[in-house]
N, C-alpha and C. Protein backbone atom coordinates (compact mmCIF):
# COMPACT_ATOMS: atom_id res chain seq x y z
N UNK A 1 58.32 116.01 189.26
CA UNK A 1 58.70 115.49 187.95
C UNK A 1 57.43 115.44 187.09
N UNK A 2 57.47 116.01 185.89
CA UNK A 2 56.28 116.01 185.06
C UNK A 2 56.08 114.66 184.37
N UNK A 3 54.92 114.47 183.77
CA UNK A 3 54.55 113.20 183.16
C UNK A 3 55.51 112.80 182.04
N UNK A 4 55.94 113.76 181.23
CA UNK A 4 56.87 113.46 180.14
C UNK A 4 58.20 112.96 180.69
N UNK A 5 58.70 113.57 181.76
CA UNK A 5 59.95 113.14 182.37
C UNK A 5 59.83 111.74 182.96
N UNK A 6 58.67 111.44 183.58
CA UNK A 6 58.45 110.10 184.13
C UNK A 6 58.45 109.05 183.03
N UNK A 7 57.79 109.36 181.91
CA UNK A 7 57.76 108.41 180.79
C UNK A 7 59.17 108.20 180.23
N UNK A 8 59.92 109.27 180.09
CA UNK A 8 61.29 109.15 179.59
C UNK A 8 62.14 108.31 180.53
N UNK A 9 61.95 108.49 181.84
CA UNK A 9 62.69 107.71 182.83
C UNK A 9 62.31 106.23 182.74
N UNK A 10 61.02 105.94 182.58
CA UNK A 10 60.57 104.55 182.44
C UNK A 10 61.13 103.91 181.17
N UNK A 11 61.14 104.64 180.08
CA UNK A 11 61.69 104.12 178.82
C UNK A 11 63.18 103.85 178.98
N UNK A 12 63.89 104.76 179.61
CA UNK A 12 65.33 104.56 179.82
C UNK A 12 65.59 103.36 180.72
N UNK A 13 64.78 103.20 181.77
CA UNK A 13 64.95 102.05 182.67
C UNK A 13 64.68 100.74 181.91
N UNK A 14 63.64 100.73 181.08
CA UNK A 14 63.34 99.54 180.27
C UNK A 14 64.46 99.22 179.30
N UNK A 15 65.00 100.24 178.67
CA UNK A 15 66.10 100.03 177.73
C UNK A 15 67.34 99.51 178.45
N UNK A 16 67.60 100.04 179.65
CA UNK A 16 68.75 99.57 180.43
C UNK A 16 68.56 98.11 180.84
N UNK A 17 67.35 97.75 181.26
CA UNK A 17 67.08 96.36 181.64
C UNK A 17 67.24 95.45 180.43
N UNK A 18 66.75 95.89 179.29
CA UNK A 18 66.88 95.09 178.07
C UNK A 18 68.35 94.91 177.71
N UNK A 19 69.12 95.98 177.86
CA UNK A 19 70.55 95.90 177.55
C UNK A 19 71.26 94.93 178.49
N UNK A 20 70.86 94.91 179.74
CA UNK A 20 71.46 93.97 180.69
C UNK A 20 71.17 92.53 180.29
N UNK A 21 69.93 92.28 179.89
CA UNK A 21 69.53 90.92 179.56
C UNK A 21 70.18 90.45 178.27
N UNK A 22 70.39 91.34 177.34
CA UNK A 22 70.89 90.93 176.03
C UNK A 22 72.34 91.33 175.81
N UNK A 23 73.06 91.61 176.87
CA UNK A 23 74.45 92.02 176.69
C UNK A 23 75.27 90.92 176.03
N UNK A 24 76.38 91.30 175.46
CA UNK A 24 77.22 90.35 174.72
C UNK A 24 77.72 89.22 175.60
N UNK A 25 77.93 89.49 176.88
CA UNK A 25 78.45 88.48 177.79
C UNK A 25 77.38 87.50 178.27
N UNK A 26 76.13 87.91 178.24
CA UNK A 26 75.06 87.09 178.80
C UNK A 26 74.59 86.05 177.79
N UNK A 27 74.36 84.86 178.30
CA UNK A 27 73.75 83.81 177.50
C UNK A 27 72.25 83.86 177.77
N UNK A 28 71.45 83.84 176.72
CA UNK A 28 70.01 83.90 176.92
C UNK A 28 69.34 82.72 176.23
N UNK A 29 68.27 82.29 176.85
CA UNK A 29 67.39 81.30 176.24
C UNK A 29 66.23 82.07 175.63
N UNK A 30 65.93 81.77 174.38
CA UNK A 30 64.84 82.45 173.69
C UNK A 30 63.66 81.50 173.53
N UNK A 31 62.48 82.02 173.78
CA UNK A 31 61.26 81.22 173.62
C UNK A 31 60.21 82.08 172.94
N UNK A 32 59.29 81.43 172.28
CA UNK A 32 58.12 82.09 171.69
C UNK A 32 56.91 81.34 172.24
N UNK A 33 56.01 82.07 172.89
CA UNK A 33 54.88 81.44 173.58
C UNK A 33 53.59 82.13 173.18
N UNK A 34 52.58 81.34 172.85
CA UNK A 34 51.25 81.85 172.56
C UNK A 34 50.41 81.68 173.82
N UNK A 35 50.14 82.77 174.50
CA UNK A 35 49.39 82.75 175.76
C UNK A 35 47.94 83.09 175.44
N UNK A 36 47.01 82.14 175.69
CA UNK A 36 45.62 82.33 175.25
C UNK A 36 44.74 83.14 176.20
N UNK A 37 45.31 83.72 177.24
CA UNK A 37 44.51 84.49 178.20
C UNK A 37 45.32 85.70 178.66
N UNK A 38 44.62 86.74 179.14
CA UNK A 38 45.34 87.86 179.73
C UNK A 38 45.95 87.39 181.04
N UNK A 39 47.02 88.05 181.47
CA UNK A 39 47.72 87.60 182.66
C UNK A 39 48.46 88.76 183.31
N UNK A 40 48.79 88.56 184.59
CA UNK A 40 49.55 89.54 185.34
C UNK A 40 51.00 89.09 185.37
N UNK A 41 51.90 90.02 185.05
CA UNK A 41 53.34 89.80 185.17
C UNK A 41 53.88 90.98 185.95
N UNK A 42 54.39 90.72 187.14
CA UNK A 42 54.77 91.83 188.02
C UNK A 42 53.50 92.53 188.45
N UNK A 43 53.44 93.82 188.25
CA UNK A 43 52.23 94.58 188.58
C UNK A 43 51.52 95.07 187.33
N UNK A 44 51.83 94.45 186.18
CA UNK A 44 51.25 94.85 184.90
C UNK A 44 50.37 93.73 184.36
N UNK A 45 49.17 94.08 183.89
CA UNK A 45 48.29 93.11 183.24
C UNK A 45 48.54 93.18 181.74
N UNK A 46 48.84 92.02 181.16
CA UNK A 46 49.16 91.93 179.74
C UNK A 46 48.08 91.16 179.01
N UNK A 47 47.82 91.50 177.74
CA UNK A 47 46.78 90.81 176.99
C UNK A 47 47.24 89.44 176.49
N UNK A 48 46.27 88.61 176.14
CA UNK A 48 46.57 87.33 175.49
C UNK A 48 47.32 87.63 174.19
N UNK A 49 48.15 86.69 173.76
CA UNK A 49 48.87 86.89 172.51
C UNK A 49 50.17 86.12 172.47
N UNK A 50 50.89 86.32 171.39
CA UNK A 50 52.19 85.67 171.20
C UNK A 50 53.27 86.58 171.76
N UNK A 51 54.16 85.99 172.57
CA UNK A 51 55.23 86.74 173.21
C UNK A 51 56.57 86.11 172.90
N UNK A 52 57.57 86.95 172.68
CA UNK A 52 58.95 86.50 172.61
C UNK A 52 59.49 86.67 174.02
N UNK A 53 60.13 85.63 174.53
CA UNK A 53 60.61 85.65 175.90
C UNK A 53 62.10 85.37 175.90
N UNK A 54 62.84 86.18 176.62
CA UNK A 54 64.28 85.99 176.78
C UNK A 54 64.56 85.77 178.25
N UNK A 55 65.27 84.70 178.55
CA UNK A 55 65.64 84.39 179.93
C UNK A 55 67.15 84.34 180.02
N UNK A 56 67.72 85.16 180.89
CA UNK A 56 69.16 85.16 181.11
C UNK A 56 69.52 83.85 181.81
N UNK A 57 70.46 83.11 181.26
CA UNK A 57 70.81 81.80 181.79
C UNK A 57 71.51 81.86 183.15
N UNK A 58 72.03 83.00 183.54
CA UNK A 58 72.73 83.09 184.82
C UNK A 58 71.88 83.76 185.90
N UNK A 59 71.18 84.82 185.55
CA UNK A 59 70.41 85.57 186.56
C UNK A 59 68.94 85.20 186.57
N UNK A 60 68.46 84.52 185.54
CA UNK A 60 67.05 84.16 185.38
C UNK A 60 66.15 85.38 185.28
N UNK A 61 66.71 86.51 184.87
CA UNK A 61 65.89 87.67 184.57
C UNK A 61 65.17 87.38 183.26
N UNK A 62 63.88 87.66 183.21
CA UNK A 62 63.09 87.36 182.03
C UNK A 62 62.51 88.64 181.45
N UNK A 63 62.51 88.74 180.13
CA UNK A 63 61.94 89.86 179.41
C UNK A 63 60.83 89.34 178.52
N UNK A 64 59.65 89.97 178.62
CA UNK A 64 58.50 89.63 177.76
C UNK A 64 58.33 90.72 176.71
N UNK A 65 58.26 90.32 175.44
CA UNK A 65 58.04 91.28 174.36
C UNK A 65 56.93 90.72 173.47
N UNK A 66 55.78 91.43 173.37
CA UNK A 66 54.73 90.96 172.46
C UNK A 66 55.28 90.85 171.05
N UNK A 67 54.92 89.77 170.33
CA UNK A 67 55.45 89.52 169.00
C UNK A 67 55.14 90.65 168.03
N UNK A 68 54.01 91.33 168.23
CA UNK A 68 53.60 92.37 167.30
C UNK A 68 54.24 93.72 167.63
N UNK A 69 55.02 93.79 168.70
CA UNK A 69 55.61 95.06 169.13
C UNK A 69 57.11 94.90 169.37
N UNK A 70 57.76 96.00 169.59
CA UNK A 70 59.17 95.95 169.98
C UNK A 70 59.35 96.47 171.40
N UNK A 71 58.30 97.01 172.00
CA UNK A 71 58.38 97.57 173.35
C UNK A 71 58.40 96.45 174.38
N UNK A 72 59.30 96.56 175.34
CA UNK A 72 59.35 95.60 176.44
C UNK A 72 58.17 95.87 177.36
N UNK A 73 57.44 94.82 177.70
CA UNK A 73 56.29 95.00 178.58
C UNK A 73 56.57 94.59 180.01
N UNK A 74 57.44 93.66 180.23
CA UNK A 74 57.68 93.23 181.60
C UNK A 74 59.07 92.65 181.72
N UNK A 75 59.72 93.00 182.79
CA UNK A 75 60.99 92.40 183.14
C UNK A 75 60.78 91.78 184.51
N UNK A 76 61.01 90.49 184.64
CA UNK A 76 60.79 89.79 185.91
C UNK A 76 62.09 89.13 186.35
N UNK A 77 62.31 89.09 187.63
CA UNK A 77 63.46 88.41 188.20
C UNK A 77 62.98 87.15 188.88
N UNK A 78 63.53 86.02 188.48
CA UNK A 78 63.16 84.75 189.09
C UNK A 78 64.05 84.50 190.30
N UNK A 79 63.51 83.74 191.24
CA UNK A 79 64.27 83.35 192.41
C UNK A 79 65.28 82.27 192.03
N UNK A 80 66.29 82.11 192.84
CA UNK A 80 67.28 81.08 192.54
C UNK A 80 66.81 79.70 192.99
N UNK A 81 65.81 79.66 193.87
CA UNK A 81 65.27 78.36 194.26
C UNK A 81 64.56 77.75 193.06
N UNK A 82 64.39 76.46 193.08
CA UNK A 82 63.86 75.78 191.90
C UNK A 82 62.59 75.03 192.21
N UNK A 83 61.80 74.86 191.16
CA UNK A 83 60.64 73.99 191.18
C UNK A 83 60.98 72.83 190.28
N UNK A 84 60.80 71.64 190.73
CA UNK A 84 61.15 70.45 189.94
C UNK A 84 59.98 70.04 189.05
N UNK A 85 60.32 69.52 187.90
CA UNK A 85 59.34 68.96 186.98
C UNK A 85 59.76 67.53 186.69
N UNK A 86 58.79 66.66 186.48
CA UNK A 86 59.12 65.27 186.21
C UNK A 86 59.57 65.05 184.78
N UNK A 87 59.33 66.03 183.92
CA UNK A 87 59.70 65.85 182.52
C UNK A 87 60.76 66.87 182.12
N UNK A 88 61.55 66.52 181.13
CA UNK A 88 62.56 67.41 180.58
C UNK A 88 62.09 67.77 179.18
N UNK A 89 61.58 68.98 179.03
CA UNK A 89 61.02 69.41 177.76
C UNK A 89 62.08 70.06 176.90
N UNK A 90 62.04 69.77 175.61
CA UNK A 90 62.90 70.48 174.66
C UNK A 90 62.43 71.92 174.50
N UNK A 91 61.24 72.17 174.98
CA UNK A 91 60.64 73.50 174.89
C UNK A 91 60.68 74.17 176.25
N UNK A 92 60.67 75.46 176.27
CA UNK A 92 60.55 76.17 177.54
C UNK A 92 59.11 76.14 178.00
N UNK A 93 58.89 76.42 179.26
CA UNK A 93 57.54 76.37 179.83
C UNK A 93 57.32 77.56 180.74
N UNK A 94 56.13 78.14 180.66
CA UNK A 94 55.70 79.17 181.61
C UNK A 94 54.61 78.56 182.48
N UNK A 95 54.61 78.91 183.75
CA UNK A 95 53.58 78.44 184.67
C UNK A 95 52.80 79.64 185.19
N UNK A 96 51.48 79.50 185.28
CA UNK A 96 50.59 80.55 185.75
C UNK A 96 49.76 80.01 186.91
N UNK A 97 49.55 80.84 187.92
CA UNK A 97 48.59 80.54 188.99
C UNK A 97 47.31 81.28 188.63
N UNK A 98 46.17 80.62 188.83
CA UNK A 98 44.89 81.27 188.55
C UNK A 98 44.23 81.65 189.87
N UNK A 99 43.95 82.95 190.03
CA UNK A 99 43.25 83.48 191.19
C UNK A 99 41.93 84.07 190.69
N UNK A 100 40.80 83.48 191.07
CA UNK A 100 39.52 83.94 190.54
C UNK A 100 39.53 83.74 189.03
N UNK A 101 39.37 84.82 188.28
CA UNK A 101 39.42 84.71 186.81
C UNK A 101 40.70 85.32 186.24
N UNK A 102 41.69 85.56 187.10
CA UNK A 102 42.94 86.20 186.67
C UNK A 102 44.12 85.24 186.78
N UNK A 103 44.92 85.16 185.70
CA UNK A 103 46.13 84.34 185.70
C UNK A 103 47.33 85.21 186.07
N UNK A 104 48.26 84.64 186.83
CA UNK A 104 49.47 85.34 187.24
C UNK A 104 50.67 84.49 186.83
N UNK A 105 51.59 85.07 186.07
CA UNK A 105 52.81 84.37 185.67
C UNK A 105 53.62 84.08 186.93
N UNK A 106 53.91 82.77 187.18
CA UNK A 106 54.54 82.42 188.46
C UNK A 106 55.90 81.75 188.35
N UNK A 107 56.23 81.13 187.20
CA UNK A 107 57.53 80.45 187.08
C UNK A 107 57.88 80.24 185.61
N UNK A 108 59.18 80.00 185.38
CA UNK A 108 59.67 79.73 184.03
C UNK A 108 60.62 78.55 184.06
N UNK A 109 60.50 77.69 183.05
CA UNK A 109 61.47 76.62 182.79
C UNK A 109 62.09 76.93 181.45
N UNK A 110 63.41 76.98 181.41
CA UNK A 110 64.10 77.21 180.15
C UNK A 110 64.07 75.93 179.32
N UNK A 111 64.21 76.03 177.99
CA UNK A 111 64.21 74.82 177.16
C UNK A 111 65.26 73.82 177.63
N UNK A 112 64.86 72.55 177.70
CA UNK A 112 65.77 71.48 178.07
C UNK A 112 66.03 71.35 179.55
N UNK A 113 65.31 72.07 180.40
CA UNK A 113 65.56 72.07 181.83
C UNK A 113 64.45 71.35 182.60
N UNK A 114 64.82 70.65 183.65
CA UNK A 114 63.83 70.06 184.56
C UNK A 114 63.63 70.94 185.79
N UNK A 115 64.47 71.95 185.95
CA UNK A 115 64.36 72.85 187.09
C UNK A 115 63.78 74.18 186.63
N UNK A 116 62.62 74.51 187.19
CA UNK A 116 61.99 75.79 186.89
C UNK A 116 62.31 76.79 187.97
N UNK A 117 62.13 78.05 187.66
CA UNK A 117 62.45 79.12 188.59
C UNK A 117 61.22 79.98 188.84
N UNK A 118 60.74 80.00 190.09
CA UNK A 118 59.57 80.82 190.41
C UNK A 118 59.96 82.30 190.42
N UNK A 119 58.98 83.16 190.12
CA UNK A 119 59.21 84.59 190.15
C UNK A 119 58.96 85.14 191.53
N UNK A 120 59.61 86.24 191.83
CA UNK A 120 59.36 86.95 193.07
C UNK A 120 57.91 87.42 193.05
N UNK A 121 57.19 87.16 194.11
CA UNK A 121 55.76 87.51 194.17
C UNK A 121 55.59 89.03 194.12
N UNK A 122 54.73 89.48 193.22
CA UNK A 122 54.49 90.92 193.07
C UNK A 122 53.37 91.37 194.02
N UNK A 123 53.22 92.67 194.15
CA UNK A 123 52.14 93.23 194.97
C UNK A 123 50.79 92.80 194.40
N UNK A 124 50.67 92.81 193.08
CA UNK A 124 49.40 92.42 192.45
C UNK A 124 49.06 90.97 192.81
N UNK A 125 50.06 90.08 192.79
CA UNK A 125 49.80 88.69 193.14
C UNK A 125 49.44 88.55 194.62
N UNK A 126 50.12 89.27 195.47
CA UNK A 126 49.79 89.22 196.91
C UNK A 126 48.36 89.69 197.14
N UNK A 127 47.94 90.75 196.45
CA UNK A 127 46.57 91.24 196.59
C UNK A 127 45.56 90.20 196.11
N UNK A 128 45.83 89.56 194.97
CA UNK A 128 44.93 88.51 194.47
C UNK A 128 44.88 87.32 195.42
N UNK A 129 46.03 86.95 195.99
CA UNK A 129 46.09 85.80 196.90
C UNK A 129 45.29 86.05 198.17
N UNK A 130 45.17 87.32 198.58
CA UNK A 130 44.35 87.65 199.76
C UNK A 130 42.87 87.43 199.48
N UNK A 131 42.48 87.61 198.21
CA UNK A 131 41.07 87.49 197.84
C UNK A 131 40.69 86.07 197.42
N UNK A 132 41.61 85.32 196.83
CA UNK A 132 41.31 84.01 196.26
C UNK A 132 42.41 83.01 196.61
N UNK A 133 42.04 81.76 196.66
CA UNK A 133 43.04 80.68 196.72
C UNK A 133 43.36 80.33 195.28
N UNK A 134 44.61 79.92 194.99
CA UNK A 134 44.90 79.50 193.61
C UNK A 134 43.99 78.31 193.25
N UNK A 135 43.15 78.49 192.24
CA UNK A 135 42.20 77.45 191.85
C UNK A 135 42.86 76.39 190.98
N UNK A 136 43.83 76.80 190.19
CA UNK A 136 44.49 75.87 189.29
C UNK A 136 45.83 76.43 188.85
N UNK A 137 46.62 75.54 188.29
CA UNK A 137 47.91 75.93 187.72
C UNK A 137 47.83 75.63 186.23
N UNK A 138 48.20 76.60 185.41
CA UNK A 138 48.23 76.40 183.96
C UNK A 138 49.67 76.47 183.49
N UNK A 139 50.05 75.57 182.61
CA UNK A 139 51.39 75.61 182.02
C UNK A 139 51.26 75.71 180.50
N UNK A 140 52.15 76.47 179.91
CA UNK A 140 52.17 76.66 178.46
C UNK A 140 53.59 76.44 177.98
N UNK A 141 53.76 75.55 177.01
CA UNK A 141 55.08 75.30 176.44
C UNK A 141 55.35 76.26 175.29
N UNK A 142 56.61 76.57 175.10
CA UNK A 142 57.01 77.45 174.00
C UNK A 142 57.02 76.65 172.71
N UNK A 143 56.98 77.39 171.61
CA UNK A 143 57.15 76.76 170.29
C UNK A 143 58.57 76.98 169.85
N UNK A 144 58.98 76.27 168.83
CA UNK A 144 60.36 76.46 168.33
C UNK A 144 60.44 77.63 167.41
């Protein structure tokens, strides 16, 4: 398969994933988050910036879209198990694990929820975890 065909296949897969998340039947929670550091989501490293985030309320599939672009950068599937929080925020929250100097997106709380959903660990996160222990956890709340 040539490079152009691979890119077309990736674009089609991204569009299909986006269509699944935003289908008419699906309820989604929308968040806007200003992330002040670069981070890993799945096996992709994304730059610091403002992101629009859509979380499917039933499957917890999450889509990250940089505010300045329309291209989907990452689609993540959260586990059905939950992480508890002591507070119930009107805002959504993203949680990051820090390995060395790299942040990894690790969980999402939808607006108004006390139960967060961790993401399936990616190969990139497993590789970082072999090299470093998580030094800290960073959380960022969404804006309205």
